Amino acid sequence: MAAPSASPAPSSSAFPLGRRTLLRGALAVGAGAAVGPVLLSGTASAYGWSRTLQQGATGADVTELQIRVAGWATSTAGHTRVAIDGDFGPGTATAVRLFQGAYGLGVDGIVGPATQAQLNALEQSDGSTAHFDWSEFTDRVSGTFDGGKVSASAAKENVRRLMYKLEALRKKLGNTPITVNSGFRSIAHNASVGGASDSMHLYGTAADLDVPGVANKTVYQKSETCGFSGLETYTEDHQHVDSRADLGRAWWWEDGTI
């Protein structure tokens, strides 16, 4: 469930649902403003990296890079996030190095062919990510991204960004599968379940998670390194994560830094 926060973002509308139908259609707690490339329904199997990227580079390809490495913001708990601003600065370089180390690549902070190939390996042909489906994040009642506090395309883009952070969290948990219990919610559905009036779920920038076999406290602690700016207490029956700071909201870690 979780507390408020949020603001818009771009995206596209109805991508095919599909791949992990055993995991019920889910929802996420939301915040997040979307910028950068928009994936259109039925397109995209790999981002078209056209150059090697390194510190000092700017542009739409840097924005896409930042979206994909945002979950590697830091190696230790702290209020650290990767700015999604198209400017390859020190924070982006740190995230790239952590990503490279986690995937057994040369750790140099330079995004060349090998790193780009690994980034693309995390993308599915419908624009979702390797271990998460759109159907896990759509509104549980309508099965769409309609009816929230932003357009369906903006909510879907926010969900895409969230997926990449969750890919990082999954990797840090030892490649342990993550179940998304709640993702995007329409205003009507959010009200029916007693969600906060400005819940991050309404923007597509949050998720309530269950990681079988892993304590919520451990999930919370790993989430502290993934750039999540909203974390609900780990004493609930799920772990809530969101990216409210991407929307200019204040950080909210209910149990503080642990």
C-alpha atoms as a PDB file:
ATOM      1  CA  MET A   1       0.000   0.000   0.000  1.00  0.00           C
ATOM      2  CA  ALA A   2       2.060   2.950   1.230  1.00  0.00           C
ATOM      3  CA  ALA A   3       2.162   6.691   1.505  1.00  0.00           C
ATOM      4  CA  PRO A   4       1.758   9.386  -1.196  1.00  0.00           C
ATOM      5  CA  SER A   5       3.951  11.145  -3.723  1.00  0.00           C
ATOM      6  CA  ALA A   6       4.008  11.647  -7.432  1.00  0.00           C
ATOM      7  CA  SER A   7       3.773  13.432 -10.799  1.00  0.00           C
ATOM      8  CA  PRO A   8       3.638  12.564 -14.519  1.00  0.00           C
ATOM      9  CA  ALA A   9       5.672  10.666 -17.078  1.00  0.00           C
ATOM     10  CA  PRO A  10       5.538   9.587 -20.778  1.00  0.00           C
ATOM     11  CA  SER A  11       5.153   6.067 -22.211  1.00  0.00           C
ATOM     12  CA  SER A  12       2.931   4.107 -24.587  1.00  0.00           C
ATOM     13  CA  SER A  13      -0.310   2.286 -24.243  1.00  0.00           C
ATOM     14  CA  ALA A  14      -1.337  -1.332 -24.477  1.00  0.00           C
ATOM     15  CA  PHE A  15       1.694  -3.591 -24.965  1.00  0.00           C
ATOM     16  CA  PRO A  16       0.974  -7.274 -25.359  1.00  0.00           C
ATOM     17  CA  LEU A  17       0.652  -9.003 -22.020  1.00  0.00           C
ATOM     18  CA  GLY A  18       2.270 -12.263 -21.816  1.00  0.00           C
ATOM     19  CA  ARG A  19       5.400 -14.126 -20.680  1.00  0.00           C
ATOM     20  CA  ARG A  20       4.892 -14.920 -17.006  1.00  0.00           C
ATOM     21  CA  THR A  21       1.164 -15.474 -16.770  1.00  0.00           C
ATOM     22  CA  LEU A  22       1.659 -17.610 -13.670  1.00  0.00           C
ATOM     23  CA  LEU A  23       2.390 -14.389 -11.802  1.00  0.00           C
ATOM     24  CA  ARG A  24      -0.944 -12.689 -11.383  1.00  0.00           C
ATOM     25  CA  GLY A  25      -1.548  -9.267 -12.913  1.00  0.00           C
ATOM     26  CA  ALA A  26      -0.123  -6.864 -10.386  1.00  0.00           C
ATOM     27  CA  LEU A  27       0.178  -3.273  -9.390  1.00  0.00           C
ATOM     28  CA  ALA A  28       2.867  -0.918  -8.206  1.00  0.00           C
ATOM     29  CA  VAL A  29       3.107   2.022  -5.852  1.00  0.00           C
ATOM     30  CA  GLY A  30       3.995   5.004  -7.878  1.00  0.00           C
ATOM     31  CA  ALA A  31       5.909   8.132  -8.468  1.00  0.00           C
ATOM     32  CA  GLY A  32       8.120   8.997 -11.366  1.00  0.00           C
ATOM     33  CA  ALA A  33       8.307  11.394 -14.208  1.00  0.00           C
ATOM     34  CA  ALA A  34       9.081   9.919 -17.567  1.00  0.00           C
ATOM     35  CA  VAL A  35      11.404  11.336 -20.129  1.00  0.00           C
ATOM     36  CA  GLY A  36      13.461   9.893 -22.932  1.00  0.00           C
ATOM     37  CA  PRO A  37      12.614   7.233 -25.505  1.00  0.00           C
ATOM     38  CA  VAL A  38       9.040   6.005 -25.607  1.00  0.00           C
ATOM     39  CA  LEU A  39       8.530   2.374 -26.595  1.00  0.00           C
ATOM     40  CA  LEU A  40       5.545   1.901 -28.879  1.00  0.00           C
ATOM     41  CA  SER A  41       3.289  -1.118 -28.739  1.00  0.00           C
ATOM     42  CA  GLY A  42       4.731  -4.076 -30.594  1.00  0.00           C
ATOM     43  CA  THR A  43       8.158  -2.551 -31.157  1.00  0.00           C
ATOM     44  CA  ALA A  44      11.647  -2.661 -29.682  1.00  0.00           C
ATOM     45  CA  SER A  45      13.718  -5.709 -29.004  1.00  0.00           C
ATOM     46  CA  ALA A  46      16.971  -3.901 -28.313  1.00  0.00           C
ATOM     47  CA  TYR A  47      17.842  -0.272 -27.827  1.00  0.00           C
ATOM     48  CA  GLY A  48      19.844   1.110 -30.744  1.00  0.00           C
ATOM     49  CA  TRP A  49      23.003   2.273 -29.024  1.00  0.00           C
ATOM     50  CA  SER A  50      24.902   4.224 -31.679  1.00  0.00           C
ATOM     51  CA  ARG A  51      28.038   5.178 -29.755  1.00  0.00           C
ATOM     52  CA  THR A  52      30.151   4.408 -26.726  1.00  0.00           C
ATOM     53  CA  LEU A  53      29.016   6.443 -23.717  1.00  0.00           C
ATOM     54  CA  GLN A  54      31.178   7.779 -20.924  1.00  0.00           C
ATOM     55  CA  GLN A  55      31.306  10.601 -18.434  1.00  0.00           C
ATOM     56  CA  GLY A  56      30.643  13.936 -20.134  1.00  0.00           C
ATOM     57  CA  ALA A  57      28.239  12.544 -22.744  1.00  0.00           C
ATOM     58  CA  THR A  58      24.729  13.991 -23.023  1.00  0.00           C
ATOM     59  CA  GLY A  59      21.628  13.071 -24.968  1.00  0.00           C
ATOM     60  CA  ALA A  60      18.619  10.766 -25.217  1.00  0.00           C
ATOM     61  CA  ASP A  61      20.836   7.668 -25.193  1.00  0.00           C
ATOM     62  CA  VAL A  62      22.303   8.784 -21.859  1.00  0.00           C
ATOM     63  CA  THR A  63      18.757   9.173 -20.526  1.00  0.00           C
ATOM     64  CA  GLU A  64      17.978   5.597 -21.575  1.00  0.00           C
ATOM     65  CA  LEU A  65      21.197   4.386 -19.972  1.00  0.00           C
ATOM     66  CA  GLN A  66      20.275   6.121 -16.718  1.00  0.00           C
ATOM     67  CA  ILE A  67      16.855   4.458 -16.716  1.00  0.00           C
ATOM     68  CA  ARG A  68      18.477   1.041 -17.113  1.00  0.00           C
ATOM     69  CA  VAL A  69      21.178   1.446 -14.444  1.00  0.00           C
ATOM     70  CA  ALA A  70      19.077   3.422 -11.946  1.00  0.00           C
ATOM     71  CA  GLY A  71      18.847   0.382  -9.670  1.00  0.00           C
ATOM     72  CA  TRP A  72      22.631   0.400  -9.250  1.00  0.00           C
ATOM     73  CA  ALA A  73      22.734   3.829  -7.623  1.00  0.00           C
ATOM     74  CA  THR A  74      25.003   2.850  -4.734  1.00  0.00           C
ATOM     75  CA  SER A  75      26.625  -0.099  -2.991  1.00  0.00           C
ATOM     76  CA  THR A  76      25.651   1.008   0.516  1.00  0.00           C
ATOM     77  CA  ALA A  77      22.423   2.247   2.077  1.00  0.00           C
ATOM     78  CA  GLY A  78      21.908   5.944   1.543  1.00  0.00           C
ATOM     79  CA  HIS A  79      19.666   8.521  -0.075  1.00  0.00           C
ATOM     80  CA  THR A  80      21.353   8.136  -3.450  1.00  0.00           C
ATOM     81  CA  ARG A  81      19.618   8.001  -6.818  1.00  0.00           C
ATOM     82  CA  VAL A  82      20.644   8.263 -10.449  1.00  0.00           C
ATOM     83  CA  ALA A  83      19.281  11.472 -11.968  1.00  0.00           C
ATOM     84  CA  ILE A  84      17.403  10.771 -15.204  1.00  0.00           C
ATOM     85  CA  ASP A  85      18.581  13.937 -16.938  1.00  0.00           C
ATOM     86  CA  GLY A  86      20.527  12.869 -20.018  1.00  0.00           C
ATOM     87  CA  ASP A  87      23.819  14.084 -18.525  1.00  0.00           C
ATOM     88  CA  PHE A  88      26.452  11.384 -17.887  1.00  0.00           C
ATOM     89  CA  GLY A  89      27.973  12.592 -14.626  1.00  0.00           C
ATOM     90  CA  PRO A  90      29.708  10.913 -11.664  1.00  0.00           C
ATOM     91  CA  GLY A  91      26.482   9.356 -10.330  1.00  0.00           C
ATOM     92  CA  THR A  92      25.770   7.660 -13.638  1.00  0.00           C
ATOM     93  CA  ALA A  93      29.390   6.489 -13.851  1.00  0.00           C
ATOM     94  CA  THR A  94      29.140   4.910 -10.396  1.00  0.00           C
ATOM     95  CA  ALA A  95      25.932   3.102 -11.373  1.00  0.00           C
ATOM     96  CA  VAL A  96      27.530   1.840 -14.593  1.00  0.00           C
ATOM     97  CA  ARG A  97      30.532   0.464 -12.694  1.00  0.00           C
ATOM     98  CA  LEU A  98      28.302  -1.315 -10.175  1.00  0.00           C
ATOM     99  CA  PHE A  99      26.218  -2.759 -13.028  1.00  0.00           C
ATOM    100  CA  GLN A 100      29.345  -3.931 -14.824  1.00  0.00           C
ATOM    101  CA  GLY A 101      30.722  -5.584 -11.701  1.00  0.00           C
ATOM    102  CA  ALA A 102      27.455  -7.398 -11.010  1.00  0.00           C
ATOM    103  CA  TYR A 103      27.345  -8.855 -14.527  1.00  0.00           C
ATOM    104  CA  GLY A 104      31.010  -9.817 -14.768  1.00  0.00           C
ATOM    105  CA  LEU A 105      31.959  -7.101 -17.244  1.00  0.00           C
ATOM    106  CA  GLY A 106      35.082  -4.964 -17.268  1.00  0.00           C
ATOM    107  CA  VAL A 107      34.543  -2.309 -14.593  1.00  0.00           C
ATOM    108  CA  ASP A 108      35.555   0.949 -16.252  1.00  0.00           C
ATOM    109  CA  GLY A 109      32.401   3.083 -16.181  1.00  0.00           C
ATOM    110  CA  ILE A 110      32.433   3.225 -19.991  1.00  0.00           C
ATOM    111  CA  VAL A 111      29.375   1.953 -21.837  1.00  0.00           C
ATOM    112  CA  GLY A 112      30.747   0.151 -24.881  1.00  0.00           C
ATOM    113  CA  PRO A 113      29.433  -2.838 -26.882  1.00  0.00           C
ATOM    114  CA  ALA A 114      29.706  -5.432 -24.088  1.00  0.00           C
ATOM    115  CA  THR A 115      27.891  -3.284 -21.540  1.00  0.00           C
ATOM    116  CA  GLN A 116      25.301  -2.242 -24.113  1.00  0.00           C
ATOM    117  CA  ALA A 117      24.679  -5.885 -24.998  1.00  0.00           C
ATOM    118  CA  GLN A 118      24.086  -6.732 -21.326  1.00  0.00           C
ATOM    119  CA  LEU A 119      21.727  -3.770 -20.957  1.00  0.00           C
ATOM    120  CA  ASN A 120      19.787  -5.005 -23.992  1.00  0.00           C
ATOM    121  CA  ALA A 121      19.683  -8.536 -22.604  1.00  0.00           C
ATOM    122  CA  LEU A 122      17.428  -7.162 -19.858  1.00  0.00           C
ATOM    123  CA  GLU A 123      14.854  -5.937 -22.395  1.00  0.00           C
ATOM    124  CA  GLN A 124      11.992  -8.024 -23.772  1.00  0.00           C
ATOM    125  CA  SER A 125      10.673  -7.511 -27.293  1.00  0.00           C
ATOM    126  CA  ASP A 126       7.507  -5.818 -25.996  1.00  0.00           C
ATOM    127  CA  GLY A 127       9.483  -3.249 -23.997  1.00  0.00           C
ATOM    128  CA  SER A 128       9.115  -4.965 -20.618  1.00  0.00           C
ATOM    129  CA  THR A 129      12.141  -6.455 -18.872  1.00  0.00           C
ATOM    130  CA  ALA A 130      13.624  -9.931 -18.626  1.00  0.00           C
ATOM    131  CA  HIS A 131      11.912 -10.958 -15.395  1.00  0.00           C
ATOM    132  CA  PHE A 132       8.835  -8.715 -15.273  1.00  0.00           C
ATOM    133  CA  ASP A 133       5.713  -8.537 -17.467  1.00  0.00           C
ATOM    134  CA  TRP A 134       3.373  -5.612 -18.101  1.00  0.00           C
ATOM    135  CA  SER A 135       0.524  -7.827 -16.853  1.00  0.00           C
ATOM    136  CA  GLU A 136       2.073  -7.854 -13.381  1.00  0.00           C
ATOM    137  CA  PHE A 137       1.672  -4.090 -13.092  1.00  0.00           C
ATOM    138  CA  THR A 138      -1.652  -3.242 -14.739  1.00  0.00           C
ATOM    139  CA  ASP A 139      -4.665  -2.179 -12.673  1.00  0.00           C
ATOM    140  CA  ARG A 140      -6.059  -5.317 -11.087  1.00  0.00           C
ATOM    141  CA  VAL A 141      -9.635  -4.415 -11.995  1.00  0.00           C
ATOM    142  CA  SER A 142      -9.346  -3.062 -15.560  1.00  0.00           C
ATOM    143  CA  GLY A 143      -6.139  -4.786 -16.651  1.00  0.00           C
ATOM    144  CA  THR A 144      -4.935  -1.488 -18.144  1.00  0.00           C
ATOM    145  CA  PHE A 145      -2.877   1.558 -17.209  1.00  0.00           C
ATOM    146  CA  ASP A 146      -5.911   3.851 -17.495  1.00  0.00           C
ATOM    147  CA  GLY A 147      -7.627   5.870 -14.792  1.00  0.00           C
ATOM    148  CA  GLY A 148      -4.682   6.923 -12.662  1.00  0.00           C
ATOM    149  CA  LYS A 149      -3.275  10.352 -11.925  1.00  0.00           C
ATOM    150  CA  VAL A 150      -1.319  10.453 -15.182  1.00  0.00           C
ATOM    151  CA  SER A 151      -2.072   9.289 -18.712  1.00  0.00           C
ATOM    152  CA  ALA A 152      -1.894   5.577 -19.483  1.00  0.00           C
ATOM    153  CA  SER A 153       1.257   6.142 -21.543  1.00  0.00           C
ATOM    154  CA  ALA A 154       2.929   8.043 -18.697  1.00  0.00           C
ATOM    155  CA  ALA A 155       1.980   5.380 -16.157  1.00  0.00           C
ATOM    156  CA  LYS A 156       3.349   2.676 -18.447  1.00  0.00           C
ATOM    157  CA  GLU A 157       6.650   4.501 -18.909  1.00  0.00           C
ATOM    158  CA  ASN A 158       6.925   4.902 -15.138  1.00  0.00           C
ATOM    159  CA  VAL A 159       6.332   1.163 -14.779  1.00  0.00           C
ATOM    160  CA  ARG A 160       9.073   0.475 -17.331  1.00  0.00           C
ATOM    161  CA  ARG A 161      11.518   2.515 -15.252  1.00  0.00           C
ATOM    162  CA  LEU A 162      10.396   0.704 -12.135  1.00  0.00           C
ATOM    163  CA  MET A 163      11.025  -2.652 -13.807  1.00  0.00           C
ATOM    164  CA  TYR A 164      14.706  -1.843 -14.329  1.00  0.00           C
ATOM    165  CA  LYS A 165      15.134  -0.985 -10.647  1.00  0.00           C
ATOM    166  CA  LEU A 166      13.416  -4.255  -9.768  1.00  0.00           C
ATOM    167  CA  GLU A 167      15.788  -6.120 -12.093  1.00  0.00           C
ATOM    168  CA  ALA A 168      18.664  -4.684 -10.039  1.00  0.00           C
ATOM    169  CA  LEU A 169      16.968  -5.621  -6.775  1.00  0.00           C
ATOM    170  CA  ARG A 170      16.375  -9.160  -8.045  1.00  0.00           C
ATOM    171  CA  LYS A 171      20.039  -9.476  -8.991  1.00  0.00           C
ATOM    172  CA  LYS A 172      21.179  -8.194  -5.588  1.00  0.00           C
ATOM    173  CA  LEU A 173      18.933 -10.763  -3.912  1.00  0.00           C
ATOM    174  CA  GLY A 174      20.806 -13.538  -5.682  1.00  0.00           C
ATOM    175  CA  ASN A 175      18.544 -13.706  -8.752  1.00  0.00           C
ATOM    176  CA  THR A 176      15.641 -14.612  -6.503  1.00  0.00           C
ATOM    177  CA  PRO A 177      12.235 -14.306  -8.229  1.00  0.00           C
ATOM    178  CA  ILE A 178      10.115 -11.369  -7.061  1.00  0.00           C
ATOM    179  CA  THR A 179       6.316 -11.457  -7.004  1.00  0.00           C
ATOM    180  CA  VAL A 180       4.595  -8.118  -7.609  1.00  0.00           C
ATOM    181  CA  ASN A 181       1.426  -8.074  -5.511  1.00  0.00           C
ATOM    182  CA  SER A 182       0.355  -4.554  -6.422  1.00  0.00           C
ATOM    183  CA  GLY A 183       1.527  -2.182  -9.136  1.00  0.00           C
ATOM    184  CA  PHE A 184      -0.361   0.552 -10.991  1.00  0.00           C
ATOM    185  CA  ARG A 185      -3.829   1.362  -9.636  1.00  0.00           C
ATOM    186  CA  SER A 186      -6.642   3.383 -11.106  1.00  0.00           C
ATOM    187  CA  ILE A 187      -8.088   6.061  -8.839  1.00  0.00           C
ATOM    188  CA  ALA A 188     -11.258   4.008  -8.421  1.00  0.00           C
ATOM    189  CA  HIS A 189      -9.448   0.813  -7.519  1.00  0.00           C
ATOM    190  CA  ASN A 190      -7.060   2.606  -5.181  1.00  0.00           C
ATOM    191  CA  ALA A 191     -10.014   4.134  -3.306  1.00  0.00           C
ATOM    192  CA  SER A 192     -11.732   0.757  -3.065  1.00  0.00           C
ATOM    193  CA  VAL A 193      -8.717  -0.782  -1.304  1.00  0.00           C
ATOM    194  CA  GLY A 194      -8.218   2.187   1.016  1.00  0.00           C
ATOM    195  CA  GLY A 195      -5.044   3.479  -0.647  1.00  0.00           C
ATOM    196  CA  ALA A 196      -3.675   6.940   0.118  1.00  0.00           C
ATOM    197  CA  SER A 197      -5.327   9.625  -2.013  1.00  0.00           C
ATOM    198  CA  ASP A 198      -2.032  10.452  -3.719  1.00  0.00           C
ATOM    199  CA  SER A 199      -0.562   6.947  -3.584  1.00  0.00           C
ATOM    200  CA  MET A 200       2.447   6.304  -5.748  1.00  0.00           C
ATOM    201  CA  HIS A 201       0.498   3.385  -7.211  1.00  0.00           C
ATOM    202  CA  LEU A 202      -1.600   5.957  -9.064  1.00  0.00           C
ATOM    203  CA  TYR A 203       1.440   7.043 -11.088  1.00  0.00           C
ATOM    204  CA  GLY A 204       2.944   3.634 -11.852  1.00  0.00           C
ATOM    205  CA  THR A 205       6.096   4.287  -9.863  1.00  0.00           C
ATOM    206  CA  ALA A 206       5.730   1.836  -6.987  1.00  0.00           C
ATOM    207  CA  ALA A 207       5.248  -1.825  -6.233  1.00  0.00           C
ATOM    208  CA  ASP A 208       4.304  -4.028  -3.310  1.00  0.00           C
ATOM    209  CA  LEU A 209       6.618  -7.018  -3.364  1.00  0.00           C
ATOM    210  CA  ASP A 210       6.846 -10.522  -2.020  1.00  0.00           C
ATOM    211  CA  VAL A 211      10.126 -12.422  -2.297  1.00  0.00           C
ATOM    212  CA  PRO A 212       9.520 -16.022  -1.200  1.00  0.00           C
ATOM    213  CA  GLY A 213      12.238 -17.270   1.116  1.00  0.00           C
ATOM    214  CA  VAL A 214      13.685 -13.803   1.729  1.00  0.00           C
ATOM    215  CA  ALA A 215      12.839 -11.724   4.817  1.00  0.00           C
ATOM    216  CA  ASN A 216      11.237  -8.333   4.152  1.00  0.00           C
ATOM    217  CA  LYS A 217      14.013  -6.720   6.186  1.00  0.00           C
ATOM    218  CA  THR A 218      16.559  -8.072   3.725  1.00  0.00           C
ATOM    219  CA  VAL A 219      14.467  -6.822   0.796  1.00  0.00           C
ATOM    220  CA  TYR A 220      14.237  -3.399   2.478  1.00  0.00           C
ATOM    221  CA  GLN A 221      17.996  -3.275   3.009  1.00  0.00           C
ATOM    222  CA  LYS A 222      18.807  -4.208  -0.579  1.00  0.00           C
ATOM    223  CA  SER A 223      16.205  -1.714  -1.805  1.00  0.00           C
ATOM    224  CA  GLU A 224      18.133   1.013   0.009  1.00  0.00           C
ATOM    225  CA  THR A 225      20.887   0.591  -2.597  1.00  0.00           C
ATOM    226  CA  CYS A 226      18.564   0.604  -5.629  1.00  0.00           C
ATOM    227  CA  GLY A 227      17.655   4.277  -5.768  1.00  0.00           C
ATOM    228  CA  PHE A 228      14.200   3.768  -4.239  1.00  0.00           C
ATOM    229  CA  SER A 229      13.165   6.937  -2.403  1.00  0.00           C
ATOM    230  CA  GLY A 230      10.025   5.453  -0.832  1.00  0.00           C
ATOM    231  CA  LEU A 231      10.177   2.368   1.409  1.00  0.00           C
ATOM    232  CA  GLU A 232       7.341   1.226   3.650  1.00  0.00           C
ATOM    233  CA  THR A 233       8.227  -0.577   6.889  1.00  0.00           C
ATOM    234  CA  TYR A 234       9.476  -4.127   6.451  1.00  0.00           C
ATOM    235  CA  THR A 235       7.137  -5.328   9.216  1.00  0.00           C
ATOM    236  CA  GLU A 236       4.185  -5.468   6.790  1.00  0.00           C
ATOM    237  CA  ASP A 237       3.278  -8.668   4.917  1.00  0.00           C
ATOM    238  CA  HIS A 238       4.878  -7.212   1.784  1.00  0.00           C
ATOM    239  CA  GLN A 239       7.640  -4.732   0.979  1.00  0.00           C
ATOM    240  CA  HIS A 240       6.586  -1.481  -0.655  1.00  0.00           C
ATOM    241  CA  VAL A 241       9.107   0.368  -2.847  1.00  0.00           C
ATOM    242  CA  ASP A 242       8.688   3.536  -4.900  1.00  0.00           C
ATOM    243  CA  SER A 243      10.588   6.307  -6.673  1.00  0.00           C
ATOM    244  CA  ARG A 244       8.891   9.443  -5.351  1.00  0.00           C
ATOM    245  CA  ALA A 245      12.052  11.561  -5.444  1.00  0.00           C
ATOM    246  CA  ASP A 246      12.009  11.273  -9.236  1.00  0.00           C
ATOM    247  CA  LEU A 247       8.868  13.410  -8.999  1.00  0.00           C
ATOM    248  CA  GLY A 248      10.459  15.955  -6.700  1.00  0.00           C
ATOM    249  CA  ARG A 249       8.971  14.484  -3.523  1.00  0.00           C
ATOM    250  CA  ALA A 250      10.812  14.113  -0.233  1.00  0.00           C
ATOM    251  CA  TRP A 251      12.444  10.759   0.558  1.00  0.00           C
ATOM    252  CA  TRP A 252      10.384   8.477   2.812  1.00  0.00           C
ATOM    253  CA  TRP A 253      12.055   5.446   4.353  1.00  0.00           C
ATOM    254  CA  GLU A 254       9.657   4.435   7.113  1.00  0.00           C
ATOM    255  CA  ASP A 255      12.227   2.442   9.072  1.00  0.00           C
ATOM    256  CA  GLY A 256      15.043   4.872   8.292  1.00  0.00           C
ATOM    257  CA  THR A 257      18.417   3.569   7.123  1.00  0.00           C
ATOM    258  CA  ILE A 258      19.092   0.028   8.330  1.00  0.00           C
END
